[in-house]
């Protein structure tokens, strides 16, 4: 039982050290992820279209 108490005590101490992001940081990260995913998706779509055009004209 003493080990369980020590575990939770240590866990609380470690959680007090955590620095959680602010709303602004979360929003900026969200926008960055959406932007990068969008750009990569458009790039891959263009590559797919190009490859499809190349394959369809050679067959």
PDB file of N, CA and C in Angstrom:
ATOM      1  N   UNK A   1       0.830  -1.200   0.000  1.00  0.00           N
ATOM      2  CA  UNK A   1       0.000   0.000   0.000  1.00  0.00           C
ATOM      3  C   UNK A   1       0.870   1.258   0.000  1.00  0.00           C
ATOM      4  N   UNK A   2       2.008   1.172   0.654  1.00  0.00           N
ATOM      5  CA  UNK A   2       2.906   2.324   0.729  1.00  0.00           C
ATOM      6  C   UNK A   2       3.470   2.665  -0.650  1.00  0.00           C
ATOM      7  N   UNK A   3       3.716   1.628  -1.479  1.00  0.00           N
ATOM      8  CA  UNK A   3       4.243   1.874  -2.824  1.00  0.00           C
ATOM      9  C   UNK A   3       3.232   2.619  -3.690  1.00  0.00           C
ATOM     10  N   UNK A   4       1.955   2.284  -3.514  1.00  0.00           N
ATOM     11  CA  UNK A   4       0.908   2.956  -4.289  1.00  0.00           C
ATOM     12  C   UNK A   4       0.825   4.428  -3.897  1.00  0.00           C
ATOM     13  N   UNK A   5       0.899   4.719  -2.608  1.00  0.00           N
ATOM     14  CA  UNK A   5       0.872   6.114  -2.146  1.00  0.00           C
ATOM     15  C   UNK A   5       2.067   6.882  -2.688  1.00  0.00           C
ATOM     16  N   UNK A   6       3.235   6.254  -2.674  1.00  0.00           N
ATOM     17  CA  UNK A   6       4.437   6.906  -3.183  1.00  0.00           C
ATOM     18  C   UNK A   6       4.314   7.165  -4.691  1.00  0.00           C
ATOM     19  N   UNK A   7       3.743   6.169  -5.404  1.00  0.00           N
ATOM     20  CA  UNK A   7       3.556   6.339  -6.842  1.00  0.00           C
ATOM     21  C   UNK A   7       2.693   7.556  -7.141  1.00  0.00           C
ATOM     22  N   UNK A   8       1.547   7.670  -6.467  1.00  0.00           N
ATOM     23  CA  UNK A   8       0.648   8.800  -6.727  1.00  0.00           C
ATOM     24  C   UNK A   8       1.269  10.111  -6.271  1.00  0.00           C
ATOM     25  N   UNK A   9       2.023  10.080  -5.201  1.00  0.00           N
ATOM     26  CA  UNK A   9       2.707  11.282  -4.732  1.00  0.00           C
ATOM     27  C   UNK A   9       3.736  11.736  -5.768  1.00  0.00           C
ATOM     28  N   UNK A  10       4.520  10.784  -6.273  1.00  0.00           N
ATOM     29  CA  UNK A  10       5.518  11.116  -7.295  1.00  0.00           C
ATOM     30  C   UNK A  10       4.852  11.579  -8.591  1.00  0.00           C
ATOM     31  N   UNK A  11       3.733  10.957  -8.955  1.00  0.00           N
ATOM     32  CA  UNK A  11       3.020  11.350 -10.164  1.00  0.00           C
ATOM     33  C   UNK A  11       2.518  12.788 -10.051  1.00  0.00           C
ATOM     34  N   UNK A  12       2.001  13.163  -8.881  1.00  0.00           N
ATOM     35  CA  UNK A  12       1.522  14.529  -8.675  1.00  0.00           C
ATOM     36  C   UNK A  12       2.682  15.525  -8.773  1.00  0.00           C
ATOM     37  N   UNK A  13       3.818  15.160  -8.207  1.00  0.00           N
ATOM     38  CA  UNK A  13       4.990  16.041  -8.274  1.00  0.00           C
ATOM     39  C   UNK A  13       5.409  16.243  -9.728  1.00  0.00           C
ATOM     40  N   UNK A  14       5.415  15.165 -10.511  1.00  0.00           N
ATOM     41  CA  UNK A  14       5.804  15.275 -11.921  1.00  0.00           C
ATOM     42  C   UNK A  14       4.782  16.078 -12.719  1.00  0.00           C
ATOM     43  N   UNK A  15       3.491  15.896 -12.414  1.00  0.00           N
ATOM     44  CA  UNK A  15       2.466  16.665 -13.126  1.00  0.00           C
ATOM     45  C   UNK A  15       2.570  18.158 -12.835  1.00  0.00           C
ATOM     46  N   UNK A  16       3.036  18.503 -11.648  1.00  0.00           N
ATOM     47  CA  UNK A  16       3.215  19.921 -11.326  1.00  0.00           C
ATOM     48  C   UNK A  16       4.325  20.545 -12.165  1.00  0.00           C
ATOM     49  N   UNK A  17       5.238  19.728 -12.685  1.00  0.00           N
ATOM     50  CA  UNK A  17       6.339  20.229 -13.500  1.00  0.00           C
ATOM     51  C   UNK A  17       5.942  20.444 -14.959  1.00  0.00           C
ATOM     52  N   UNK A  18       4.810  19.871 -15.370  1.00  0.00           N
ATOM     53  CA  UNK A  18       4.388  19.942 -16.767  1.00  0.00           C
ATOM     54  C   UNK A  18       3.941  21.362 -17.108  1.00  0.00           C
ATOM     55  N   UNK A  19       4.397  21.841 -18.247  1.00  0.00           N
ATOM     56  CA  UNK A  19       3.973  23.148 -18.738  1.00  0.00           C
ATOM     57  C   UNK A  19       2.985  22.903 -19.877  1.00  0.00           C
ATOM     58  N   UNK A  20       1.722  23.169 -19.652  1.00  0.00           N
ATOM     59  CA  UNK A  20       0.693  22.953 -20.648  1.00  0.00           C
ATOM     60  C   UNK A  20       0.656  24.138 -21.608  1.00  0.00           C
ATOM     61  N   UNK A  21       0.371  23.882 -22.892  1.00  0.00           N
ATOM     62  CA  UNK A  21       0.337  24.973 -23.872  1.00  0.00           C
ATOM     63  C   UNK A  21      -0.855  25.905 -23.637  1.00  0.00           C
ATOM     64  N   UNK A  22      -0.664  27.143 -24.041  1.00  0.00           N
ATOM     65  CA  UNK A  22      -1.744  28.116 -23.940  1.00  0.00           C
ATOM     66  C   UNK A  22      -2.698  27.920 -25.116  1.00  0.00           C
ATOM     67  N   UNK A  23      -3.836  28.602 -25.057  1.00  0.00           N
ATOM     68  CA  UNK A  23      -4.810  28.505 -26.157  1.00  0.00           C
ATOM     69  C   UNK A  23      -4.203  29.002 -27.462  1.00  0.00           C
ATOM     70  N   UNK A  24      -3.400  30.036 -27.389  1.00  0.00           N
ATOM     71  CA  UNK A  24      -2.780  30.597 -28.595  1.00  0.00           C
ATOM     72  C   UNK A  24      -1.814  29.587 -29.211  1.00  0.00           C
ATOM     73  N   UNK A  25      -1.019  28.916 -28.384  1.00  0.00           N
ATOM     74  CA  UNK A  25      -0.081  27.920 -28.885  1.00  0.00           C
ATOM     75  C   UNK A  25      -0.810  26.736 -29.520  1.00  0.00           C
ATOM     76  N   UNK A  26      -1.902  26.314 -28.905  1.00  0.00           N
ATOM     77  CA  UNK A  26      -2.686  25.207 -29.458  1.00  0.00           C
ATOM     78  C   UNK A  26      -3.281  25.622 -30.798  1.00  0.00           C
ATOM     79  N   UNK A  27      -3.813  26.828 -30.881  1.00  0.00           N
ATOM     80  CA  UNK A  27      -4.404  27.323 -32.124  1.00  0.00           C
ATOM     81  C   UNK A  27      -3.344  27.411 -33.223  1.00  0.00           C
ATOM     82  N   UNK A  28      -2.160  27.934 -32.889  1.00  0.00           N
ATOM     83  CA  UNK A  28      -1.093  28.047 -33.880  1.00  0.00           C
ATOM     84  C   UNK A  28      -0.650  26.671 -34.379  1.00  0.00           C
ATOM     85  N   UNK A  29      -0.540  25.719 -33.476  1.00  0.00           N
ATOM     86  CA  UNK A  29      -0.147  24.365 -33.876  1.00  0.00           C
ATOM     87  C   UNK A  29      -1.218  23.742 -34.763  1.00  0.00           C
ATOM     88  N   UNK A  30      -2.472  23.951 -34.422  1.00  0.00           N
ATOM     89  CA  UNK A  30      -3.580  23.419 -35.222  1.00  0.00           C
ATOM     90  C   UNK A  30      -3.547  23.990 -36.630  1.00  0.00           C
ATOM     91  N   UNK A  31      -3.375  25.296 -36.741  1.00  0.00           N
ATOM     92  CA  UNK A  31      -3.341  25.944 -38.057  1.00  0.00           C
ATOM     93  C   UNK A  31      -2.140  25.433 -38.859  1.00  0.00           C
ATOM     94  N   UNK A  32      -1.002  25.277 -38.203  1.00  0.00           N
ATOM     95  CA  UNK A  32       0.191  24.781 -38.891  1.00  0.00           C
ATOM     96  C   UNK A  32      -0.026  23.364 -39.415  1.00  0.00           C
ATOM     97  N   UNK A  33      -0.626  22.518 -38.621  1.00  0.00           N
ATOM     98  CA  UNK A  33      -0.876  21.134 -39.051  1.00  0.00           C
ATOM     99  C   UNK A  33      -1.851  21.106 -40.213  1.00  0.00           C
ATOM    100  N   UNK A  34      -2.934  21.859 -40.128  1.00  0.00           N
ATOM    101  CA  UNK A  34      -3.917  21.881 -41.213  1.00  0.00           C
ATOM    102  C   UNK A  34      -3.278  22.411 -42.498  1.00  0.00           C
ATOM    103  N   UNK A  35      -2.468  23.429 -42.376  1.00  0.00           N
ATOM    104  CA  UNK A  35      -1.802  24.006 -43.543  1.00  0.00           C
ATOM    105  C   UNK A  35      -0.849  23.007 -44.192  1.00  0.00           C
ATOM    106  N   UNK A  36      -0.032  22.353 -43.401  1.00  0.00           N
ATOM    107  CA  UNK A  36       0.929  21.386 -43.940  1.00  0.00           C
ATOM    108  C   UNK A  36       0.201  20.210 -44.582  1.00  0.00           C
ATOM    109  N   UNK A  37      -0.829  19.706 -43.934  1.00  0.00           N
ATOM    110  CA  UNK A  37      -1.590  18.582 -44.495  1.00  0.00           C
ATOM    111  C   UNK A  37      -2.244  18.991 -45.805  1.00  0.00           C
ATOM    112  N   UNK A  38      -2.768  20.190 -45.872  1.00  0.00           N
ATOM    113  CA  UNK A  38      -3.403  20.675 -47.104  1.00  0.00           C
ATOM    114  C   UNK A  38      -2.392  20.791 -48.235  1.00  0.00           C
ATOM    115  N   UNK A  39      -1.248  21.365 -47.952  1.00  0.00           N
ATOM    116  CA  UNK A  39      -0.218  21.536 -48.984  1.00  0.00           C
ATOM    117  C   UNK A  39       0.264  20.176 -49.484  1.00  0.00           C
ATOM    118  N   UNK A  40       0.523  19.245 -48.580  1.00  0.00           N
ATOM    119  CA  UNK A  40       0.989  17.918 -48.982  1.00  0.00           C
ATOM    120  C   UNK A  40      -0.091  17.189 -49.769  1.00  0.00           C
ATOM    121  N   UNK A  41      -1.343  17.335 -49.366  1.00  0.00           N
ATOM    122  CA  UNK A  41      -2.445  16.694 -50.094  1.00  0.00           C
ATOM    123  C   UNK A  41      -2.542  17.224 -51.516  1.00  0.00           C
ATOM    124  N   UNK A  42      -2.440  18.519 -51.681  1.00  0.00           N
ATOM    125  CA  UNK A  42      -2.496  19.108 -53.024  1.00  0.00           C
ATOM    126  C   UNK A  42      -1.316  18.627 -53.864  1.00  0.00           C
ATOM    127  N   UNK A  43      -0.140  18.589 -53.267  1.00  0.00           N
ATOM    128  CA  UNK A  43       1.046  18.111 -53.984  1.00  0.00           C
ATOM    129  C   UNK A  43       0.866  16.664 -54.442  1.00  0.00           C
ATOM    130  N   UNK A  44       0.404  15.807 -53.540  1.00  0.00           N
ATOM    131  CA  UNK A  44       0.207  14.402 -53.898  1.00  0.00           C
ATOM    132  C   UNK A  44      -0.885  14.234 -54.957  1.00  0.00           C
ATOM    133  N   UNK A  45      -1.924  15.042 -54.887  1.00  0.00           N
ATOM    134  CA  UNK A  45      -2.980  14.981 -55.896  1.00  0.00           C
ATOM    135  C   UNK A  45      -2.422  15.368 -57.264  1.00  0.00           C
ATOM    136  N   UNK A  46      -1.597  16.394 -57.313  1.00  0.00           N
ATOM    137  CA  UNK A  46      -0.991  16.806 -58.584  1.00  0.00           C
ATOM    138  C   UNK A  46      -0.055  15.732 -59.127  1.00  0.00           C
ATOM    139  N   UNK A  47       0.739  15.130 -58.253  1.00  0.00           N
ATOM    140  CA  UNK A  47       1.624  14.045 -58.686  1.00  0.00           C
ATOM    141  C   UNK A  47       0.799  12.873 -59.203  1.00  0.00           C
ATOM    142  N   UNK A  48      -0.287  12.553 -58.532  1.00  0.00           N
ATOM    143  CA  UNK A  48      -1.158  11.460 -58.968  1.00  0.00           C
ATOM    144  C   UNK A  48      -1.763  11.755 -60.339  1.00  0.00           C
ATOM    145  N   UNK A  49      -2.251  12.958 -60.518  1.00  0.00           N
ATOM    146  CA  UNK A  49      -2.801  13.342 -61.815  1.00  0.00           C
ATOM    147  C   UNK A  49      -1.734  13.263 -62.915  1.00  0.00           C
ATOM    148  N   UNK A  50      -0.543  13.727 -62.614  1.00  0.00           N
ATOM    149  CA  UNK A  50       0.537  13.688 -63.587  1.00  0.00           C
ATOM    150  C   UNK A  50       0.900  12.250 -63.952  1.00  0.00           C
ATOM    151  N   UNK A  51       1.030  11.409 -62.955  1.00  0.00           N
ATOM    152  CA  UNK A  51       1.360  10.003 -63.196  1.00  0.00           C
ATOM    153  C   UNK A  51       0.221   9.304 -63.969  1.00  0.00           C
ATOM    154  N   UNK A  52      -0.998   9.611 -63.637  1.00  0.00           N
ATOM    155  CA  UNK A  52      -2.137   9.022 -64.362  1.00  0.00           C
ATOM    156  C   UNK A  52      -2.118   9.433 -65.815  1.00  0.00           C
ATOM    157  N   UNK A  53      -1.829  10.695 -66.070  1.00  0.00           N
ATOM    158  CA  UNK A  53      -1.771  11.196 -67.442  1.00  0.00           C
ATOM    159  C   UNK A  53      -0.632  10.519 -68.209  1.00  0.00           C
ATOM    160  N   UNK A  54       0.494  10.344 -67.574  1.00  0.00           N
ATOM    161  CA  UNK A  54       1.646   9.703 -68.228  1.00  0.00           C
ATOM    162  C   UNK A  54       1.320   8.245 -68.549  1.00  0.00           C
ATOM    163  N   UNK A  55       0.752   7.529 -67.605  1.00  0.00           N
ATOM    164  CA  UNK A  55       0.446   6.118 -67.805  1.00  0.00           C
ATOM    165  C   UNK A  55      -0.649   5.939 -68.850  1.00  0.00           C
ATOM    166  N   UNK A  56      -1.658   6.773 -68.825  1.00  0.00           N
ATOM    167  CA  UNK A  56      -2.769   6.608 -69.778  1.00  0.00           C
ATOM    168  C   UNK A  56      -2.364   6.948 -71.199  1.00  0.00           C
ATOM    169  N   UNK A  57      -1.396   7.821 -71.387  1.00  0.00           N
ATOM    170  CA  UNK A  57      -0.985   8.165 -72.742  1.00  0.00           C
ATOM    171  C   UNK A  57       0.000   7.149 -73.310  1.00  0.00           C
ATOM    172  N   UNK A  58       0.710   6.422 -72.466  1.00  0.00           N
ATOM    173  CA  UNK A  58       1.691   5.463 -72.964  1.00  0.00           C
ATOM    174  C   UNK A  58       1.083   4.092 -73.228  1.00  0.00           C
ATOM    175  N   UNK A  59      -0.099   3.833 -72.696  1.00  0.00           N
ATOM    176  CA  UNK A  59      -0.707   2.509 -72.887  1.00  0.00           C
ATOM    177  C   UNK A  59      -1.588   2.497 -74.117  1.00  0.00           C
TER     178      UNK A  59
END
